[in-house]
Amino acid sequence: MRVHYGKGKEDPLQHVRFYSKNATASARCFRLPECAYEMFSPRKFEEYCIRIFVKEPHLVAPVREAFERWCRKYNNSQGFPLEFNA
């Protein structure tokens, strides 16, 4: 599942224009400088969520190990395994 803020990896606030509160009809729009909002915005604007379901109990450990290897190789993140026993 891919989740983002509407512009993929780009900062969506760089595509928004603002006007002054006291703007007149001839006022021009402007962009906020990144330093004005950088401490309030996320570092990354896109993330992926992968869910893996395994029915056979004997496959849980090998699938988990394979997924952890994939995480280390491709995106340097960690998996958060949850096990549900039916």
PDB file of N, CA and C in Angstrom:
ATOM      1  N   MET A   1       0.847  -1.150   0.000  1.00  0.00           N
ATOM      2  CA  MET A   1       0.000   0.000   0.000  1.00  0.00           C
ATOM      3  C   MET A   1       0.908   1.234   0.000  1.00  0.00           C
ATOM      4  N   ARG A   2       0.616   2.171  -0.858  1.00  0.00           N
ATOM      5  CA  ARG A   2       1.406   3.399  -0.957  1.00  0.00           C
ATOM      6  C   ARG A   2       0.609   4.544  -0.339  1.00  0.00           C
ATOM      7  N   VAL A   3       1.227   5.264   0.572  1.00  0.00           N
ATOM      8  CA  VAL A   3       0.581   6.389   1.237  1.00  0.00           C
ATOM      9  C   VAL A   3       1.450   7.618   1.027  1.00  0.00           C
ATOM     10  N   HIS A   4       0.831   8.715   0.584  1.00  0.00           N
ATOM     11  CA  HIS A   4       1.588   9.957   0.416  1.00  0.00           C
ATOM     12  C   HIS A   4       0.659  11.151   0.603  1.00  0.00           C
ATOM     13  N   TYR A   5       1.192  12.337   0.498  1.00  0.00           N
ATOM     14  CA  TYR A   5       0.441  13.565   0.750  1.00  0.00           C
ATOM     15  C   TYR A   5      -0.049  14.226  -0.534  1.00  0.00           C
ATOM     16  N   GLY A   6      -0.163  13.484  -1.605  1.00  0.00           N
ATOM     17  CA  GLY A   6      -0.715  14.017  -2.839  1.00  0.00           C
ATOM     18  C   GLY A   6       0.301  14.335  -3.916  1.00  0.00           C
ATOM     19  N   LYS A   7       1.568  14.427  -3.588  1.00  0.00           N
ATOM     20  CA  LYS A   7       2.597  14.754  -4.568  1.00  0.00           C
ATOM     21  C   LYS A   7       3.704  13.711  -4.597  1.00  0.00           C
ATOM     22  N   GLY A   8       3.438  12.509  -4.117  1.00  0.00           N
ATOM     23  CA  GLY A   8       4.465  11.473  -4.107  1.00  0.00           C
ATOM     24  C   GLY A   8       5.575  11.829  -3.138  1.00  0.00           C
ATOM     25  N   LYS A   9       6.802  11.821  -3.627  1.00  0.00           N
ATOM     26  CA  LYS A   9       7.957  12.110  -2.769  1.00  0.00           C
ATOM     27  C   LYS A   9       8.194  13.607  -2.586  1.00  0.00           C
ATOM     28  N   GLU A  10       7.476  14.431  -3.337  1.00  0.00           N
ATOM     29  CA  GLU A  10       7.685  15.880  -3.262  1.00  0.00           C
ATOM     30  C   GLU A  10       6.947  16.490  -2.071  1.00  0.00           C
ATOM     31  N   ASP A  11       7.450  17.617  -1.623  1.00  0.00           N
ATOM     32  CA  ASP A  11       6.829  18.376  -0.546  1.00  0.00           C
ATOM     33  C   ASP A  11       5.594  19.083  -1.105  1.00  0.00           C
ATOM     34  N   PRO A  12       4.398  18.750  -0.640  1.00  0.00           N
ATOM     35  CA  PRO A  12       3.200  19.373  -1.209  1.00  0.00           C
ATOM     36  C   PRO A  12       3.113  20.874  -0.952  1.00  0.00           C
ATOM     37  N   LEU A  13       3.734  21.372   0.106  1.00  0.00           N
ATOM     38  CA  LEU A  13       3.670  22.807   0.381  1.00  0.00           C
ATOM     39  C   LEU A  13       4.459  23.638  -0.626  1.00  0.00           C
ATOM     40  N   GLN A  14       5.342  23.011  -1.383  1.00  0.00           N
ATOM     41  CA  GLN A  14       6.055  23.747  -2.423  1.00  0.00           C
ATOM     42  C   GLN A  14       5.154  24.018  -3.626  1.00  0.00           C
ATOM     43  N   HIS A  15       3.980  23.424  -3.651  1.00  0.00           N
ATOM     44  CA  HIS A  15       3.035  23.626  -4.749  1.00  0.00           C
ATOM     45  C   HIS A  15       1.825  24.454  -4.313  1.00  0.00           C
ATOM     46  N   VAL A  16       1.867  24.991  -3.107  1.00  0.00           N
ATOM     47  CA  VAL A  16       0.766  25.806  -2.589  1.00  0.00           C
ATOM     48  C   VAL A  16       1.218  27.254  -2.566  1.00  0.00           C
ATOM     49  N   ARG A  17       0.335  28.145  -2.992  1.00  0.00           N
ATOM     50  CA  ARG A  17       0.635  29.577  -2.980  1.00  0.00           C
ATOM     51  C   ARG A  17      -0.212  30.239  -1.894  1.00  0.00           C
ATOM     52  N   PHE A  18       0.325  31.274  -1.303  1.00  0.00           N
ATOM     53  CA  PHE A  18      -0.341  31.980  -0.221  1.00  0.00           C
ATOM     54  C   PHE A  18      -0.491  33.452  -0.577  1.00  0.00           C
ATOM     55  N   TYR A  19      -1.445  34.095   0.075  1.00  0.00           N
ATOM     56  CA  TYR A  19      -1.649  35.535  -0.048  1.00  0.00           C
ATOM     57  C   TYR A  19      -1.570  36.138   1.340  1.00  0.00           C
ATOM     58  N   SER A  20      -1.183  37.381   1.402  1.00  0.00           N
ATOM     59  CA  SER A  20      -1.151  38.101   2.663  1.00  0.00           C
ATOM     60  C   SER A  20      -2.579  38.322   3.157  1.00  0.00           C
ATOM     61  N   LYS A  21      -2.740  38.452   4.450  1.00  0.00           N
ATOM     62  CA  LYS A  21      -4.052  38.703   5.031  1.00  0.00           C
ATOM     63  C   LYS A  21      -4.628  40.030   4.528  1.00  0.00           C
ATOM     64  N   ASN A  22      -3.763  40.980   4.282  1.00  0.00           N
ATOM     65  CA  ASN A  22      -4.181  42.313   3.844  1.00  0.00           C
ATOM     66  C   ASN A  22      -4.049  42.470   2.334  1.00  0.00           C
ATOM     67  N   ALA A  23      -4.185  41.407   1.593  1.00  0.00           N
ATOM     68  CA  ALA A  23      -3.964  41.453   0.147  1.00  0.00           C
ATOM     69  C   ALA A  23      -5.040  42.284  -0.549  1.00  0.00           C
ATOM     70  N   THR A  24      -4.607  43.007  -1.561  1.00  0.00           N
ATOM     71  CA  THR A  24      -5.529  43.772  -2.402  1.00  0.00           C
ATOM     72  C   THR A  24      -5.765  42.989  -3.684  1.00  0.00           C
ATOM     73  N   ALA A  25      -6.556  43.525  -4.573  1.00  0.00           N
ATOM     74  CA  ALA A  25      -6.856  42.838  -5.831  1.00  0.00           C
ATOM     75  C   ALA A  25      -5.604  42.669  -6.686  1.00  0.00           C
ATOM     76  N   SER A  26      -4.642  43.557  -6.529  1.00  0.00           N
ATOM     77  CA  SER A  26      -3.421  43.472  -7.338  1.00  0.00           C
ATOM     78  C   SER A  26      -2.298  42.703  -6.634  1.00  0.00           C
ATOM     79  N   ALA A  27      -2.591  42.113  -5.488  1.00  0.00           N
ATOM     80  CA  ALA A  27      -1.557  41.401  -4.720  1.00  0.00           C
ATOM     81  C   ALA A  27      -1.103  40.149  -5.460  1.00  0.00           C
ATOM     82  N   ARG A  28       0.140  39.800  -5.234  1.00  0.00           N
ATOM     83  CA  ARG A  28       0.696  38.597  -5.859  1.00  0.00           C
ATOM     84  C   ARG A  28       0.821  37.500  -4.809  1.00  0.00           C
ATOM     85  N   CYS A  29       0.672  36.288  -5.265  1.00  0.00           N
ATOM     86  CA  CYS A  29       0.809  35.157  -4.350  1.00  0.00           C
ATOM     87  C   CYS A  29       2.290  34.849  -4.131  1.00  0.00           C
ATOM     88  N   PHE A  30       2.574  34.102  -3.080  1.00  0.00           N
ATOM     89  CA  PHE A  30       3.957  33.741  -2.771  1.00  0.00           C
ATOM     90  C   PHE A  30       3.991  32.345  -2.175  1.00  0.00           C
ATOM     91  N   ARG A  31       5.156  31.746  -2.228  1.00  0.00           N
ATOM     92  CA  ARG A  31       5.387  30.450  -1.581  1.00  0.00           C
ATOM     93  C   ARG A  31       6.034  30.686  -0.234  1.00  0.00           C
ATOM     94  N   LEU A  32       5.718  29.830   0.705  1.00  0.00           N
ATOM     95  CA  LEU A  32       6.401  29.908   1.999  1.00  0.00           C
ATOM     96  C   LEU A  32       7.819  29.382   1.844  1.00  0.00           C
ATOM     97  N   PRO A  33       8.800  30.050   2.433  1.00  0.00           N
ATOM     98  CA  PRO A  33      10.145  29.470   2.418  1.00  0.00           C
ATOM     99  C   PRO A  33      10.159  28.214   3.289  1.00  0.00           C
ATOM    100  N   GLU A  34      10.931  27.238   2.882  1.00  0.00           N
ATOM    101  CA  GLU A  34      10.956  25.959   3.601  1.00  0.00           C
ATOM    102  C   GLU A  34      11.335  26.132   5.066  1.00  0.00           C
ATOM    103  N   CYS A  35      12.183  27.098   5.361  1.00  0.00           N
ATOM    104  CA  CYS A  35      12.599  27.302   6.755  1.00  0.00           C
ATOM    105  C   CYS A  35      11.432  27.742   7.642  1.00  0.00           C
ATOM    106  N   ALA A  36      10.349  28.237   7.053  1.00  0.00           N
ATOM    107  CA  ALA A  36       9.199  28.685   7.840  1.00  0.00           C
ATOM    108  C   ALA A  36       8.367  27.520   8.371  1.00  0.00           C
ATOM    109  N   TYR A  37       8.465  26.369   7.741  1.00  0.00           N
ATOM    110  CA  TYR A  37       7.618  25.254   8.169  1.00  0.00           C
ATOM    111  C   TYR A  37       8.358  23.932   8.309  1.00  0.00           C
ATOM    112  N   GLU A  38       9.653  23.885   8.056  1.00  0.00           N
ATOM    113  CA  GLU A  38      10.361  22.606   8.018  1.00  0.00           C
ATOM    114  C   GLU A  38      10.307  21.832   9.331  1.00  0.00           C
ATOM    115  N   MET A  39      10.266  22.512  10.468  1.00  0.00           N
ATOM    116  CA  MET A  39      10.230  21.776  11.730  1.00  0.00           C
ATOM    117  C   MET A  39       8.845  21.201  12.025  1.00  0.00           C
ATOM    118  N   PHE A  40       7.834  21.604  11.262  1.00  0.00           N
ATOM    119  CA  PHE A  40       6.478  21.095  11.454  1.00  0.00           C
ATOM    120  C   PHE A  40       6.079  20.057  10.411  1.00  0.00           C
ATOM    121  N   SER A  41       6.924  19.832   9.428  1.00  0.00           N
ATOM    122  CA  SER A  41       6.562  18.899   8.359  1.00  0.00           C
ATOM    123  C   SER A  41       7.422  17.641   8.438  1.00  0.00           C
ATOM    124  N   PRO A  42       6.930  16.543   7.888  1.00  0.00           N
ATOM    125  CA  PRO A  42       7.699  15.294   7.936  1.00  0.00           C
ATOM    126  C   PRO A  42       8.926  15.352   7.043  1.00  0.00           C
ATOM    127  N   ARG A  43       9.900  14.502   7.310  1.00  0.00           N
ATOM    128  CA  ARG A  43      11.110  14.455   6.477  1.00  0.00           C
ATOM    129  C   ARG A  43      10.837  13.764   5.154  1.00  0.00           C
ATOM    130  N   LYS A  44       9.959  12.784   5.180  1.00  0.00           N
ATOM    131  CA  LYS A  44       9.579  12.062   3.966  1.00  0.00           C
ATOM    132  C   LYS A  44       8.088  12.241   3.757  1.00  0.00           C
ATOM    133  N   PHE A  45       7.702  12.334   2.501  1.00  0.00           N
ATOM    134  CA  PHE A  45       6.305  12.608   2.186  1.00  0.00           C
ATOM    135  C   PHE A  45       5.595  11.409   1.580  1.00  0.00           C
ATOM    136  N   GLU A  46       6.252  10.256   1.592  1.00  0.00           N
ATOM    137  CA  GLU A  46       5.659   9.071   1.005  1.00  0.00           C
ATOM    138  C   GLU A  46       6.158   7.855   1.769  1.00  0.00           C
ATOM    139  N   GLU A  47       5.309   6.883   1.956  1.00  0.00           N
ATOM    140  CA  GLU A  47       5.740   5.645   2.594  1.00  0.00           C
ATOM    141  C   GLU A  47       4.951   4.478   2.018  1.00  0.00           C
ATOM    142  N   TYR A  48       5.515   3.322   2.158  1.00  0.00           N
ATOM    143  CA  TYR A  48       4.887   2.100   1.675  1.00  0.00           C
ATOM    144  C   TYR A  48       4.595   1.197   2.855  1.00  0.00           C
ATOM    145  N   CYS A  49       3.495   0.507   2.791  1.00  0.00           N
ATOM    146  CA  CYS A  49       3.117  -0.447   3.826  1.00  0.00           C
ATOM    147  C   CYS A  49       2.896  -1.793   3.151  1.00  0.00           C
ATOM    148  N   ILE A  50       3.598  -2.795   3.611  1.00  0.00           N
ATOM    149  CA  ILE A  50       3.492  -4.132   3.028  1.00  0.00           C
ATOM    150  C   ILE A  50       2.962  -5.077   4.095  1.00  0.00           C
ATOM    151  N   ARG A  51       1.960  -5.845   3.722  1.00  0.00           N
ATOM    152  CA  ARG A  51       1.409  -6.849   4.639  1.00  0.00           C
ATOM    153  C   ARG A  51       1.582  -8.218   4.005  1.00  0.00           C
ATOM    154  N   ILE A  52       2.058  -9.133   4.803  1.00  0.00           N
ATOM    155  CA  ILE A  52       2.267 -10.501   4.336  1.00  0.00           C
ATOM    156  C   ILE A  52       1.463 -11.424   5.244  1.00  0.00           C
ATOM    157  N   PHE A  53       0.691 -12.277   4.623  1.00  0.00           N
ATOM    158  CA  PHE A  53      -0.128 -13.229   5.372  1.00  0.00           C
ATOM    159  C   PHE A  53       0.357 -14.639   5.061  1.00  0.00           C
ATOM    160  N   VAL A  54       0.518 -15.439   6.102  1.00  0.00           N
ATOM    161  CA  VAL A  54       0.977 -16.820   5.951  1.00  0.00           C
ATOM    162  C   VAL A  54      -0.029 -17.722   6.659  1.00  0.00           C
ATOM    163  N   LYS A  55      -0.539 -18.702   5.928  1.00  0.00           N
ATOM    164  CA  LYS A  55      -1.509 -19.633   6.520  1.00  0.00           C
ATOM    165  C   LYS A  55      -0.829 -20.790   7.235  1.00  0.00           C
ATOM    166  N   GLU A  56       0.237 -21.289   6.651  1.00  0.00           N
ATOM    167  CA  GLU A  56       0.901 -22.469   7.199  1.00  0.00           C
ATOM    168  C   GLU A  56       1.856 -22.064   8.325  1.00  0.00           C
ATOM    169  N   PRO A  57       1.667 -22.567   9.536  1.00  0.00           N
ATOM    170  CA  PRO A  57       2.516 -22.186  10.670  1.00  0.00           C
ATOM    171  C   PRO A  57       4.001 -22.480  10.458  1.00  0.00           C
ATOM    172  N   HIS A  58       4.327 -23.546   9.734  1.00  0.00           N
ATOM    173  CA  HIS A  58       5.741 -23.879   9.544  1.00  0.00           C
ATOM    174  C   HIS A  58       6.435 -22.915   8.575  1.00  0.00           C
ATOM    175  N   LEU A  59       5.684 -22.077   7.872  1.00  0.00           N
ATOM    176  CA  LEU A  59       6.282 -21.112   6.942  1.00  0.00           C
ATOM    177  C   LEU A  59       6.490 -19.727   7.559  1.00  0.00           C
ATOM    178  N   VAL A  60       5.987 -19.513   8.763  1.00  0.00           N
ATOM    179  CA  VAL A  60       6.070 -18.188   9.381  1.00  0.00           C
ATOM    180  C   VAL A  60       7.519 -17.738   9.552  1.00  0.00           C
ATOM    181  N   ALA A  61       8.371 -18.567  10.134  1.00  0.00           N
ATOM    182  CA  ALA A  61       9.771 -18.182  10.381  1.00  0.00           C
ATOM    183  C   ALA A  61      10.530 -17.919   9.083  1.00  0.00           C
ATOM    184  N   PRO A  62      10.488 -18.804   8.064  1.00  0.00           N
ATOM    185  CA  PRO A  62      11.224 -18.506   6.832  1.00  0.00           C
ATOM    186  C   PRO A  62      10.708 -17.266   6.099  1.00  0.00           C
ATOM    187  N   VAL A  63       9.401 -17.049   6.124  1.00  0.00           N
ATOM    188  CA  VAL A  63       8.847 -15.860   5.465  1.00  0.00           C
ATOM    189  C   VAL A  63       9.287 -14.600   6.203  1.00  0.00           C
ATOM    190  N   ARG A  64       9.281 -14.649   7.540  1.00  0.00           N
ATOM    191  CA  ARG A  64       9.725 -13.491   8.322  1.00  0.00           C
ATOM    192  C   ARG A  64      11.192 -13.173   8.028  1.00  0.00           C
ATOM    193  N   GLU A  65      12.046 -14.193   7.992  1.00  0.00           N
ATOM    194  CA  GLU A  65      13.467 -13.975   7.701  1.00  0.00           C
ATOM    195  C   GLU A  65      13.661 -13.391   6.306  1.00  0.00           C
ATOM    196  N   ALA A  66      12.925 -13.906   5.330  1.00  0.00           N
ATOM    197  CA  ALA A  66      13.032 -13.384   3.964  1.00  0.00           C
ATOM    198  C   ALA A  66      12.581 -11.930   3.901  1.00  0.00           C
ATOM    199  N   PHE A  67      11.512 -11.601   4.597  1.00  0.00           N
ATOM    200  CA  PHE A  67      11.029 -10.222   4.607  1.00  0.00           C
ATOM    201  C   PHE A  67      12.024  -9.288   5.287  1.00  0.00           C
ATOM    202  N   GLU A  68      12.618  -9.716   6.388  1.00  0.00           N
ATOM    203  CA  GLU A  68      13.615  -8.887   7.068  1.00  0.00           C
ATOM    204  C   GLU A  68      14.835  -8.659   6.185  1.00  0.00           C
ATOM    205  N   ARG A  69      15.260  -9.687   5.432  1.00  0.00           N
ATOM    206  CA  ARG A  69      16.366  -9.513   4.475  1.00  0.00           C
ATOM    207  C   ARG A  69      15.991  -8.500   3.403  1.00  0.00           C
ATOM    208  N   TRP A  70      14.774  -8.592   2.897  1.00  0.00           N
ATOM    209  CA  TRP A  70      14.304  -7.658   1.876  1.00  0.00           C
ATOM    210  C   TRP A  70      14.310  -6.226   2.411  1.00  0.00           C
ATOM    211  N   CYS A  71      13.849  -6.047   3.653  1.00  0.00           N
ATOM    212  CA  CYS A  71      13.834  -4.711   4.264  1.00  0.00           C
ATOM    213  C   CYS A  71      15.240  -4.139   4.377  1.00  0.00           C
ATOM    214  N   ARG A  72      16.179  -4.955   4.815  1.00  0.00           N
ATOM    215  CA  ARG A  72      17.562  -4.470   4.943  1.00  0.00           C
ATOM    216  C   ARG A  72      18.150  -4.129   3.583  1.00  0.00           C
ATOM    217  N   LYS A  73      17.842  -4.916   2.579  1.00  0.00           N
ATOM    218  CA  LYS A  73      18.429  -4.722   1.251  1.00  0.00           C
ATOM    219  C   LYS A  73      17.849  -3.510   0.525  1.00  0.00           C
ATOM    220  N   TYR A  74      16.552  -3.319   0.579  1.00  0.00           N
ATOM    221  CA  TYR A  74      15.919  -2.315  -0.264  1.00  0.00           C
ATOM    222  C   TYR A  74      15.552  -1.006   0.410  1.00  0.00           C
ATOM    223  N   ASN A  75      15.138  -1.030   1.633  1.00  0.00           N
ATOM    224  CA  ASN A  75      14.710   0.254   2.186  1.00  0.00           C
ATOM    225  C   ASN A  75      15.209   0.538   3.586  1.00  0.00           C
ATOM    226  N   ASN A  76      16.088  -0.284   4.082  1.00  0.00           N
ATOM    227  CA  ASN A  76      16.752  -0.016   5.355  1.00  0.00           C
ATOM    228  C   ASN A  76      15.756   0.276   6.484  1.00  0.00           C
ATOM    229  N   SER A  77      14.626  -0.396   6.451  1.00  0.00           N
ATOM    230  CA  SER A  77      13.655  -0.197   7.517  1.00  0.00           C
ATOM    231  C   SER A  77      13.433  -1.509   8.257  1.00  0.00           C
ATOM    232  N   GLN A  78      12.591  -1.455   9.231  1.00  0.00           N
ATOM    233  CA  GLN A  78      12.328  -2.633  10.038  1.00  0.00           C
ATOM    234  C   GLN A  78      10.906  -3.114   9.822  1.00  0.00           C
ATOM    235  N   GLY A  79      10.744  -4.403   9.965  1.00  0.00           N
ATOM    236  CA  GLY A  79       9.403  -4.965   9.935  1.00  0.00           C
ATOM    237  C   GLY A  79       8.847  -4.987  11.342  1.00  0.00           C
ATOM    238  N   PHE A  80       7.564  -4.928  11.456  1.00  0.00           N
ATOM    239  CA  PHE A  80       6.905  -5.010  12.749  1.00  0.00           C
ATOM    240  C   PHE A  80       5.961  -6.202  12.701  1.00  0.00           C
ATOM    241  N   PRO A  81       6.487  -7.392  12.966  1.00  0.00           N
ATOM    242  CA  PRO A  81       5.657  -8.592  12.804  1.00  0.00           C
ATOM    243  C   PRO A  81       4.581  -8.699  13.882  1.00  0.00           C
ATOM    244  N   LEU A  82       3.417  -9.075  13.435  1.00  0.00           N
ATOM    245  CA  LEU A  82       2.311  -9.366  14.336  1.00  0.00           C
ATOM    246  C   LEU A  82       1.835 -10.770  14.014  1.00  0.00           C
ATOM    247  N   GLU A  83       1.640 -11.551  15.020  1.00  0.00           N
ATOM    248  CA  GLU A  83       1.157 -12.913  14.797  1.00  0.00           C
ATOM    249  C   GLU A  83      -0.235 -13.049  15.385  1.00  0.00           C
ATOM    250  N   PHE A  84      -1.116 -13.590  14.570  1.00  0.00           N
ATOM    251  CA  PHE A  84      -2.474 -13.865  15.009  1.00  0.00           C
ATOM    252  C   PHE A  84      -2.710 -15.355  14.893  1.00  0.00           C
ATOM    253  N   ASN A  85      -3.124 -15.955  15.940  1.00  0.00           N
ATOM    254  CA  ASN A  85      -3.433 -17.385  15.920  1.00  0.00           C
ATOM    255  C   ASN A  85      -4.942 -17.550  15.857  1.00  0.00           C
ATOM    256  N   ALA A  86      -5.383 -18.228  14.816  1.00  0.00           N
ATOM    257  CA  ALA A  86      -6.831 -18.410  14.639  1.00  0.00           C
ATOM    258  C   ALA A  86      -7.342 -19.584  15.435  1.00  0.00           C
TER     259      ALA A  86
END
